PDB file of N, CA and C in Angstrom:
ATOM      1  N   UNK A   1       0.873  -1.113   0.048  1.00  0.00           N
ATOM      2  CA  UNK A   1      -0.006  -0.040  -0.004  1.00  0.00           C
ATOM      3  C   UNK A   1       0.963   1.219   0.030  1.00  0.00           C
ATOM      4  N   UNK A   2       0.450   2.177  -0.752  1.00  0.00           N
ATOM      5  CA  UNK A   2       1.062   3.484  -0.679  1.00  0.00           C
ATOM      6  C   UNK A   2       0.187   4.649  -0.316  1.00  0.00           C
ATOM      7  N   UNK A   3       0.819   5.337   0.822  1.00  0.00           N
ATOM      8  CA  UNK A   3      -0.043   6.391   1.392  1.00  0.00           C
ATOM      9  C   UNK A   3       0.665   7.738   1.234  1.00  0.00           C
ATOM     10  N   UNK A   4      -0.230   8.758   0.810  1.00  0.00           N
ATOM     11  CA  UNK A   4       0.263  10.138   0.685  1.00  0.00           C
ATOM     12  C   UNK A   4      -0.488  11.046   1.760  1.00  0.00           C
ATOM     13  N   UNK A   5       0.273  11.809   2.452  1.00  0.00           N
ATOM     14  CA  UNK A   5      -0.267  12.802   3.421  1.00  0.00           C
ATOM     15  C   UNK A   5       0.178  14.193   2.788  1.00  0.00           C
ATOM     16  N   UNK A   6      -1.001  14.946   2.423  1.00  0.00           N
ATOM     17  CA  UNK A   6      -0.802  16.204   1.777  1.00  0.00           C
ATOM     18  C   UNK A   6      -1.388  17.345   2.685  1.00  0.00           C
ATOM     19  N   UNK A   7      -0.591  18.298   2.838  1.00  0.00           N
ATOM     20  CA  UNK A   7      -1.001  19.405   3.654  1.00  0.00           C
ATOM     21  C   UNK A   7      -1.001  20.689   2.743  1.00  0.00           C
ATOM     22  N   UNK A   8      -2.095  21.385   2.631  1.00  0.00           N
ATOM     23  CA  UNK A   8      -1.966  22.552   1.762  1.00  0.00           C
ATOM     24  C   UNK A   8      -2.903  23.651   2.334  1.00  0.00           C
ATOM     25  N   UNK A   9      -2.468  24.837   2.091  1.00  0.00           N
ATOM     26  CA  UNK A   9      -3.038  26.030   2.512  1.00  0.00           C
ATOM     27  C   UNK A   9      -3.391  26.966   1.383  1.00  0.00           C
ATOM     28  N   UNK A  10      -4.711  27.220   1.432  1.00  0.00           N
ATOM     29  CA  UNK A  10      -5.222  28.042   0.332  1.00  0.00           C
ATOM     30  C   UNK A  10      -5.471  29.466   0.727  1.00  0.00           C
ATOM     31  N   UNK A  11      -5.267  30.422  -0.152  1.00  0.00           N
ATOM     32  CA  UNK A  11      -5.502  31.867   0.265  1.00  0.00           C
ATOM     33  C   UNK A  11      -6.895  31.962   0.785  1.00  0.00           C
ATOM     34  N   UNK A  12      -6.951  32.780   1.844  1.00  0.00           N
ATOM     35  CA  UNK A  12      -8.275  32.994   2.507  1.00  0.00           C
ATOM     36  C   UNK A  12      -9.332  33.320   1.596  1.00  0.00           C
ATOM     37  N   UNK A  13      -9.192  34.010   0.531  1.00  0.00           N
ATOM     38  CA  UNK A  13     -10.355  34.545  -0.302  1.00  0.00           C
ATOM     39  C   UNK A  13     -10.814  33.224  -1.063  1.00  0.00           C
ATOM     40  N   UNK A  14     -10.196  32.148  -1.122  1.00  0.00           N
ATOM     41  CA  UNK A  14     -10.569  31.114  -1.958  1.00  0.00           C
ATOM     42  C   UNK A  14     -10.823  29.756  -1.057  1.00  0.00           C
ATOM     43  N   UNK A  15     -10.576  29.855   0.242  1.00  0.00           N
ATOM     44  CA  UNK A  15     -10.596  28.775   1.061  1.00  0.00           C
ATOM     45  C   UNK A  15     -12.116  27.913   1.236  1.00  0.00           C
ATOM     46  N   UNK A  16     -13.098  28.820   1.175  1.00  0.00           N
ATOM     47  CA  UNK A  16     -14.374  28.120   1.222  1.00  0.00           C
ATOM     48  C   UNK A  16     -14.698  27.479   0.050  1.00  0.00           C
ATOM     49  N   UNK A  17     -14.398  28.029  -1.183  1.00  0.00           N
ATOM     50  CA  UNK A  17     -14.757  27.469  -2.521  1.00  0.00           C
ATOM     51  C   UNK A  17     -13.758  26.201  -2.641  1.00  0.00           C
ATOM     52  N   UNK A  18     -12.557  26.293  -2.192  1.00  0.00           N
ATOM     53  CA  UNK A  18     -11.649  25.182  -2.303  1.00  0.00           C
ATOM     54  C   UNK A  18     -12.170  23.903  -1.515  1.00  0.00           C
ATOM     55  N   UNK A  19     -12.742  24.249  -0.328  1.00  0.00           N
ATOM     56  CA  UNK A  19     -13.313  23.230   0.664  1.00  0.00           C
ATOM     57  C   UNK A  19     -14.469  22.564  -0.099  1.00  0.00           C
ATOM     58  N   UNK A  20     -15.343  23.313  -0.654  1.00  0.00           N
ATOM     59  CA  UNK A  20     -16.399  22.781  -1.511  1.00  0.00           C
ATOM     60  C   UNK A  20     -15.948  21.889  -2.624  1.00  0.00           C
ATOM     61  N   UNK A  21     -14.805  22.453  -3.338  1.00  0.00           N
ATOM     62  CA  UNK A  21     -14.224  21.650  -4.453  1.00  0.00           C
ATOM     63  C   UNK A  21     -13.657  20.230  -3.964  1.00  0.00           C
ATOM     64  N   UNK A  22     -13.028  20.276  -2.794  1.00  0.00           N
ATOM     65  CA  UNK A  22     -12.328  19.084  -2.198  1.00  0.00           C
ATOM     66  C   UNK A  22     -13.486  18.164  -1.901  1.00  0.00           C
ATOM     67  N   UNK A  23     -14.557  18.552  -1.267  1.00  0.00           N
ATOM     68  CA  UNK A  23     -15.636  17.691  -1.012  1.00  0.00           C
ATOM     69  C   UNK A  23     -16.141  16.997  -2.254  1.00  0.00           C
ATOM     70  N   UNK A  24     -16.192  17.748  -3.440  1.00  0.00           N
ATOM     71  CA  UNK A  24     -16.599  17.234  -4.722  1.00  0.00           C
ATOM     72  C   UNK A  24     -15.614  16.312  -5.327  1.00  0.00           C
ATOM     73  N   UNK A  25     -14.312  16.240  -4.917  1.00  0.00           N
ATOM     74  CA  UNK A  25     -13.358  15.307  -5.431  1.00  0.00           C
ATOM     75  C   UNK A  25     -13.467  13.873  -4.853  1.00  0.00           C
ATOM     76  N   UNK A  26     -14.071  13.861  -3.592  1.00  0.00           N
ATOM     77  CA  UNK A  26     -13.903  12.498  -2.810  1.00  0.00           C
ATOM     78  C   UNK A  26     -14.679  11.462  -3.618  1.00  0.00           C
ATOM     79  N   UNK A  27     -15.841  11.660  -4.139  1.00  0.00           N
ATOM     80  CA  UNK A  27     -16.442  10.507  -4.902  1.00  0.00           C
ATOM     81  C   UNK A  27     -15.695  10.125  -6.089  1.00  0.00           C
ATOM     82  N   UNK A  28     -15.394  11.018  -6.915  1.00  0.00           N
ATOM     83  CA  UNK A  28     -14.788  10.451  -8.281  1.00  0.00           C
ATOM     84  C   UNK A  28     -13.333   9.907  -7.927  1.00  0.00           C
ATOM     85  N   UNK A  29     -12.716  10.511  -6.946  1.00  0.00           N
ATOM     86  CA  UNK A  29     -11.345   9.825  -6.788  1.00  0.00           C
ATOM     87  C   UNK A  29     -11.445   8.492  -6.028  1.00  0.00           C
ATOM     88  N   UNK A  30     -12.426   8.380  -5.146  1.00  0.00           N
ATOM     89  CA  UNK A  30     -12.758   7.067  -4.462  1.00  0.00           C
ATOM     90  C   UNK A  30     -13.025   6.055  -5.476  1.00  0.00           C
ATOM     91  N   UNK A  31     -13.517   6.373  -6.670  1.00  0.00           N
ATOM     92  CA  UNK A  31     -13.859   5.365  -7.711  1.00  0.00           C
ATOM     93  C   UNK A  31     -12.696   5.127  -8.598  1.00  0.00           C
ATOM     94  N   UNK A  32     -11.580   5.778  -8.425  1.00  0.00           N
ATOM     95  CA  UNK A  32     -10.350   5.496  -9.347  1.00  0.00           C
ATOM     96  C   UNK A  32      -9.843   4.081  -8.984  1.00  0.00           C
ATOM     97  N   UNK A  33      -9.372   3.503  -9.989  1.00  0.00           N
ATOM     98  CA  UNK A  33      -8.679   2.185  -9.761  1.00  0.00           C
ATOM     99  C   UNK A  33      -7.485   2.439  -8.787  1.00  0.00           C
ATOM    100  N   UNK A  34      -7.399   1.385  -7.774  1.00  0.00           N
ATOM    101  CA  UNK A  34      -6.370   1.464  -6.814  1.00  0.00           C
ATOM    102  C   UNK A  34      -6.589   2.371  -5.585  1.00  0.00           C
ATOM    103  N   UNK A  35      -7.683   3.129  -5.573  1.00  0.00           N
ATOM    104  CA  UNK A  35      -7.877   4.083  -4.387  1.00  0.00           C
ATOM    105  C   UNK A  35      -8.557   3.232  -3.282  1.00  0.00           C
ATOM    106  N   UNK A  36      -7.970   3.289  -2.251  1.00  0.00           N
ATOM    107  CA  UNK A  36      -8.450   2.712  -0.922  1.00  0.00           C
ATOM    108  C   UNK A  36      -9.175   3.652  -0.060  1.00  0.00           C
ATOM    109  N   UNK A  37      -8.465   4.682   0.138  1.00  0.00           N
ATOM    110  CA  UNK A  37      -9.056   5.725   1.070  1.00  0.00           C
ATOM    111  C   UNK A  37      -8.651   7.209   0.484  1.00  0.00           C
ATOM    112  N   UNK A  38      -9.629   8.236   0.424  1.00  0.00           N
ATOM    113  CA  UNK A  38      -9.361   9.548  -0.056  1.00  0.00           C
ATOM    114  C   UNK A  38     -10.258  10.485   0.905  1.00  0.00           C
ATOM    115  N   UNK A  39      -9.439  11.200   1.767  1.00  0.00           N
ATOM    116  CA  UNK A  39     -10.256  12.055   2.684  1.00  0.00           C
ATOM    117  C   UNK A  39      -9.472  13.421   2.893  1.00  0.00           C
ATOM    118  N   UNK A  40     -10.462  14.528   2.987  1.00  0.00           N
ATOM    119  CA  UNK A  40      -9.971  15.846   3.293  1.00  0.00           C
ATOM    120  C   UNK A  40     -10.293  16.178   4.644  1.00  0.00           C
ATOM    121  N   UNK A  41      -9.560  16.921   5.203  1.00  0.00           N
ATOM    122  CA  UNK A  41      -9.814  17.549   6.611  1.00  0.00           C
ATOM    123  C   UNK A  41      -9.454  18.996   6.606  1.00  0.00           C
ATOM    124  N   UNK A  42     -10.307  19.847   7.343  1.00  0.00           N
ATOM    125  CA  UNK A  42     -10.055  21.169   7.460  1.00  0.00           C
ATOM    126  C   UNK A  42      -9.462  21.414   8.965  1.00  0.00           C
ATOM    127  N   UNK A  43      -8.344  22.209   8.893  1.00  0.00           N
ATOM    128  CA  UNK A  43      -7.829  22.520  10.366  1.00  0.00           C
ATOM    129  C   UNK A  43      -8.650  23.355  11.095  1.00  0.00           C
ATOM    130  N   UNK A  44      -8.761  22.918  12.402  1.00  0.00           N
ATOM    131  CA  UNK A  44      -9.598  23.699  13.276  1.00  0.00           C
ATOM    132  C   UNK A  44      -9.092  24.983  13.743  1.00  0.00           C
ATOM    133  N   UNK A  45      -7.785  25.121  13.709  1.00  0.00           N
ATOM    134  CA  UNK A  45      -7.145  26.429  14.060  1.00  0.00           C
ATOM    135  C   UNK A  45      -6.993  27.281  12.905  1.00  0.00           C
ATOM    136  N   UNK A  46      -6.778  26.880  11.703  1.00  0.00           N
ATOM    137  CA  UNK A  46      -6.470  27.652  10.614  1.00  0.00           C
ATOM    138  C   UNK A  46      -7.500  27.049   9.376  1.00  0.00           C
ATOM    139  N   UNK A  47      -8.579  28.051   9.195  1.00  0.00           N
ATOM    140  CA  UNK A  47      -9.548  27.481   8.185  1.00  0.00           C
ATOM    141  C   UNK A  47      -9.007  27.455   6.725  1.00  0.00           C
ATOM    142  N   UNK A  48      -7.848  27.883   6.649  1.00  0.00           N
ATOM    143  CA  UNK A  48      -7.189  27.982   5.200  1.00  0.00           C
ATOM    144  C   UNK A  48      -6.353  26.721   5.030  1.00  0.00           C
ATOM    145  N   UNK A  49      -6.128  25.949   6.151  1.00  0.00           N
ATOM    146  CA  UNK A  49      -5.284  24.851   5.990  1.00  0.00           C
ATOM    147  C   UNK A  49      -5.940  23.584   5.931  1.00  0.00           C
ATOM    148  N   UNK A  50      -5.682  22.631   4.937  1.00  0.00           N
ATOM    149  CA  UNK A  50      -6.355  21.323   4.785  1.00  0.00           C
ATOM    150  C   UNK A  50      -5.344  20.286   4.841  1.00  0.00           C
ATOM    151  N   UNK A  51      -5.868  19.143   5.055  1.00  0.00           N
ATOM    152  CA  UNK A  51      -4.990  17.952   5.107  1.00  0.00           C
ATOM    153  C   UNK A  51      -5.783  16.851   4.330  1.00  0.00           C
ATOM    154  N   UNK A  52      -5.086  16.075   3.444  1.00  0.00           N
ATOM    155  CA  UNK A  52      -5.570  15.113   2.704  1.00  0.00           C
ATOM    156  C   UNK A  52      -4.804  13.756   2.954  1.00  0.00           C
ATOM    157  N   UNK A  53      -5.586  12.816   3.272  1.00  0.00           N
ATOM    158  CA  UNK A  53      -5.009  11.480   3.435  1.00  0.00           C
ATOM    159  C   UNK A  53      -5.454  10.467   2.461  1.00  0.00           C
ATOM    160  N   UNK A  54      -4.501  10.018   1.704  1.00  0.00           N
ATOM    161  CA  UNK A  54      -4.818   8.972   0.508  1.00  0.00           C
ATOM    162  C   UNK A  54      -4.129   7.735   0.735  1.00  0.00           C
ATOM    163  N   UNK A  55      -4.839   6.579   0.522  1.00  0.00           N
ATOM    164  CA  UNK A  55      -4.299   5.345   0.552  1.00  0.00           C
ATOM    165  C   UNK A  55      -4.587   4.693  -0.808  1.00  0.00           C
ATOM    166  N   UNK A  56      -3.484   4.174  -1.465  1.00  0.00           N
ATOM    167  CA  UNK A  56      -3.508   3.711  -2.742  1.00  0.00           C
ATOM    168  C   UNK A  56      -2.925   2.260  -2.768  1.00  0.00           C
ATOM    169  N   UNK A  57      -3.373   1.381  -3.686  1.00  0.00           N
ATOM    170  CA  UNK A  57      -2.731  -0.072  -3.781  1.00  0.00           C
ATOM    171  C   UNK A  57      -1.451   0.126  -4.317  1.00  0.00           C
ATOM    172  N   UNK A  58      -0.914   1.059  -4.838  1.00  0.00           N
ATOM    173  CA  UNK A  58       0.409   1.202  -5.430  1.00  0.00           C
ATOM    174  C   UNK A  58       0.752   2.632  -5.690  1.00  0.00           C
ATOM    175  N   UNK A  59       2.055   2.930  -5.861  1.00  0.00           N
ATOM    176  CA  UNK A  59       2.599   4.197  -6.271  1.00  0.00           C
ATOM    177  C   UNK A  59       2.013   4.525  -7.599  1.00  0.00           C
ATOM    178  N   UNK A  60       1.975   3.604  -8.379  1.00  0.00           N
ATOM    179  CA  UNK A  60       1.539   3.872  -9.851  1.00  0.00           C
ATOM    180  C   UNK A  60       0.022   4.292  -9.881  1.00  0.00           C
ATOM    181  N   UNK A  61      -0.834   3.642  -9.049  1.00  0.00           N
ATOM    182  CA  UNK A  61      -2.176   4.151  -8.926  1.00  0.00           C
ATOM    183  C   UNK A  61      -2.225   5.614  -8.437  1.00  0.00           C
ATOM    184  N   UNK A  62      -1.351   6.036  -7.495  1.00  0.00           N
ATOM    185  CA  UNK A  62      -1.384   7.313  -7.044  1.00  0.00           C
ATOM    186  C   UNK A  62      -0.964   8.303  -8.212  1.00  0.00           C
ATOM    187  N   UNK A  63       0.216   7.820  -8.858  1.00  0.00           N
ATOM    188  CA  UNK A  63       0.653   8.739  -9.950  1.00  0.00           C
ATOM    189  C   UNK A  63      -0.416   8.895 -11.024  1.00  0.00           C
ATOM    190  N   UNK A  64      -1.180   7.832 -11.316  1.00  0.00           N
ATOM    191  CA  UNK A  64      -2.148   7.875 -12.379  1.00  0.00           C
ATOM    192  C   UNK A  64      -3.277   8.823 -11.999  1.00  0.00           C
ATOM    193  N   UNK A  65      -3.466   8.938 -10.660  1.00  0.00           N
ATOM    194  CA  UNK A  65      -4.496   9.781 -10.079  1.00  0.00           C
ATOM    195  C   UNK A  65      -4.248  11.179 -10.419  1.00  0.00           C
ATOM    196  N   UNK A  66      -2.981  11.607 -10.254  1.00  0.00           N
ATOM    197  CA  UNK A  66      -2.646  13.012 -10.604  1.00  0.00           C
ATOM    198  C   UNK A  66      -2.983  13.543 -11.924  1.00  0.00           C
ATOM    199  N   UNK A  67      -3.203  12.733 -12.897  1.00  0.00           N
ATOM    200  CA  UNK A  67      -3.411  13.099 -14.265  1.00  0.00           C
ATOM    201  C   UNK A  67      -4.910  13.010 -14.486  1.00  0.00           C
ATOM    202  N   UNK A  68      -5.865  12.683 -13.650  1.00  0.00           N
ATOM    203  CA  UNK A  68      -7.292  12.486 -14.052  1.00  0.00           C
ATOM    204  C   UNK A  68      -7.870  13.891 -14.214  1.00  0.00           C
ATOM    205  N   UNK A  69      -8.861  13.967 -15.019  1.00  0.00           N
ATOM    206  CA  UNK A  69      -9.427  15.217 -15.287  1.00  0.00           C
ATOM    207  C   UNK A  69      -9.983  15.985 -14.042  1.00  0.00           C
ATOM    208  N   UNK A  70     -10.540  15.355 -13.208  1.00  0.00           N
ATOM    209  CA  UNK A  70     -11.014  15.998 -12.039  1.00  0.00           C
ATOM    210  C   UNK A  70      -9.884  16.716 -11.192  1.00  0.00           C
ATOM    211  N   UNK A  71      -8.724  15.995 -11.013  1.00  0.00           N
ATOM    212  CA  UNK A  71      -7.667  16.477 -10.384  1.00  0.00           C
ATOM    213  C   UNK A  71      -7.107  17.702 -11.076  1.00  0.00           C
ATOM    214  N   UNK A  72      -6.949  17.458 -12.409  1.00  0.00           N
ATOM    215  CA  UNK A  72      -6.383  18.658 -13.240  1.00  0.00           C
ATOM    216  C   UNK A  72      -7.297  19.806 -13.178  1.00  0.00           C
ATOM    217  N   UNK A  73      -8.600  19.744 -13.211  1.00  0.00           N
ATOM    218  CA  UNK A  73      -9.518  20.900 -13.144  1.00  0.00           C
ATOM    219  C   UNK A  73      -9.397  21.499 -11.811  1.00  0.00           C
ATOM    220  N   UNK A  74      -9.394  20.693 -10.640  1.00  0.00           N
ATOM    221  CA  UNK A  74      -9.089  21.348  -9.390  1.00  0.00           C
ATOM    222  C   UNK A  74      -7.815  22.140  -9.384  1.00  0.00           C
ATOM    223  N   UNK A  75      -6.668  21.618  -9.771  1.00  0.00           N
ATOM    224  CA  UNK A  75      -5.377  22.293  -9.707  1.00  0.00           C
ATOM    225  C   UNK A  75      -5.407  23.480 -10.699  1.00  0.00           C
ATOM    226  N   UNK A  76      -6.096  23.439 -11.824  1.00  0.00           N
ATOM    227  CA  UNK A  76      -6.267  24.611 -12.679  1.00  0.00           C
ATOM    228  C   UNK A  76      -6.997  25.712 -11.939  1.00  0.00           C
ATOM    229  N   UNK A  77      -7.993  25.436 -11.294  1.00  0.00           N
ATOM    230  CA  UNK A  77      -8.636  26.438 -10.671  1.00  0.00           C
ATOM    231  C   UNK A  77      -8.009  27.043  -9.457  1.00  0.00           C
ATOM    232  N   UNK A  78      -7.485  26.145  -8.521  1.00  0.00           N
ATOM    233  CA  UNK A  78      -7.065  26.558  -7.213  1.00  0.00           C
ATOM    234  C   UNK A  78      -5.438  26.627  -7.067  1.00  0.00           C
ATOM    235  N   UNK A  79      -4.788  26.072  -7.948  1.00  0.00           N
ATOM    236  CA  UNK A  79      -3.341  26.087  -8.053  1.00  0.00           C
ATOM    237  C   UNK A  79      -2.802  27.389  -7.762  1.00  0.00           C
ATOM    238  N   UNK A  80      -3.327  28.404  -8.450  1.00  0.00           N
ATOM    239  CA  UNK A  80      -2.785  29.661  -8.277  1.00  0.00           C
ATOM    240  C   UNK A  80      -3.083  30.312  -6.802  1.00  0.00           C
ATOM    241  N   UNK A  81      -3.889  29.701  -6.141  1.00  0.00           N
ATOM    242  CA  UNK A  81      -4.281  30.196  -4.815  1.00  0.00           C
ATOM    243  C   UNK A  81      -3.849  29.420  -3.644  1.00  0.00           C
ATOM    244  N   UNK A  82      -2.972  28.342  -3.991  1.00  0.00           N
ATOM    245  CA  UNK A  82      -2.426  27.505  -2.992  1.00  0.00           C
ATOM    246  C   UNK A  82      -1.043  28.094  -2.577  1.00  0.00           C
ATOM    247  N   UNK A  83      -0.973  28.382  -1.183  1.00  0.00           N
ATOM    248  CA  UNK A  83       0.128  29.036  -0.645  1.00  0.00           C
ATOM    249  C   UNK A  83       1.127  28.162  -0.194  1.00  0.00           C
ATOM    250  N   UNK A  84       0.692  26.850   0.261  1.00  0.00           N
ATOM    251  CA  UNK A  84       1.650  25.905   0.824  1.00  0.00           C
ATOM    252  C   UNK A  84       1.078  24.500   0.252  1.00  0.00           C
ATOM    253  N   UNK A  85       2.125  23.677  -0.107  1.00  0.00           N
ATOM    254  CA  UNK A  85       1.686  22.287  -0.578  1.00  0.00           C
ATOM    255  C   UNK A  85       2.915  21.488   0.015  1.00  0.00           C
ATOM    256  N   UNK A  86       2.714  20.691   0.934  1.00  0.00           N
ATOM    257  CA  UNK A  86       3.629  19.662   1.463  1.00  0.00           C
ATOM    258  C   UNK A  86       3.082  18.356   1.238  1.00  0.00           C
ATOM    259  N   UNK A  87       3.828  17.494   0.708  1.00  0.00           N
ATOM    260  CA  UNK A  87       3.320  16.055   0.557  1.00  0.00           C
ATOM    261  C   UNK A  87       4.445  15.034   1.040  1.00  0.00           C
ATOM    262  N   UNK A  88       3.943  14.027   1.821  1.00  0.00           N
ATOM    263  CA  UNK A  88       4.845  13.099   2.295  1.00  0.00           C
ATOM    264  C   UNK A  88       4.260  11.678   1.899  1.00  0.00           C
ATOM    265  N   UNK A  89       5.050  10.824   1.390  1.00  0.00           N
ATOM    266  CA  UNK A  89       4.594   9.485   0.984  1.00  0.00           C
ATOM    267  C   UNK A  89       5.289   8.442   1.856  1.00  0.00           C
ATOM    268  N   UNK A  90       4.477   7.437   1.987  1.00  0.00           N
ATOM    269  CA  UNK A  90       4.957   6.259   2.801  1.00  0.00           C
ATOM    270  C   UNK A  90       4.499   5.049   2.089  1.00  0.00           C
ATOM    271  N   UNK A  91       5.174   3.919   2.339  1.00  0.00           N
ATOM    272  CA  UNK A  91       4.799   2.631   1.895  1.00  0.00           C
ATOM    273  C   UNK A  91       4.644   1.694   2.940  1.00  0.00           C
ATOM    274  N   UNK A  92       3.737   0.744   2.965  1.00  0.00           N
ATOM    275  CA  UNK A  92       3.603  -0.122   4.095  1.00  0.00           C
ATOM    276  C   UNK A  92       4.700  -1.080   4.211  1.00  0.00           C
ATOM    277  N   UNK A  93       5.078  -1.382   5.344  1.00  0.00           N
ATOM    278  CA  UNK A  93       6.066  -2.472   5.574  1.00  0.00           C
ATOM    279  C   UNK A  93       5.592  -3.734   5.366  1.00  0.00           C
ATOM    280  N   UNK A  94       6.177  -4.636   4.483  1.00  0.00           N
ATOM    281  CA  UNK A  94       5.600  -5.927   4.238  1.00  0.00           C
ATOM    282  C   UNK A  94       6.447  -6.901   5.197  1.00  0.00           C
TER     283      UNK A  94
END
């Protein structure tokens, strides 16, 4: 299993719209081949800060996810308004 932990901060003027868009990503991403879990959380202390936890069957499945139309559309719309993007990847110990 491959897991990605993403932390992103969106400019305050776009945070609520980004949150709505993130909610809209969960269903199509969850239906992607290899997706085990895809969840977004909004930070309680900083409403512009979001955390995404993704579990995939493989790194390839995660890489393929990055080029799907719904992810591309999200990044095209909100990419210019993302102030922070940190990603950490882990793999399960076998």
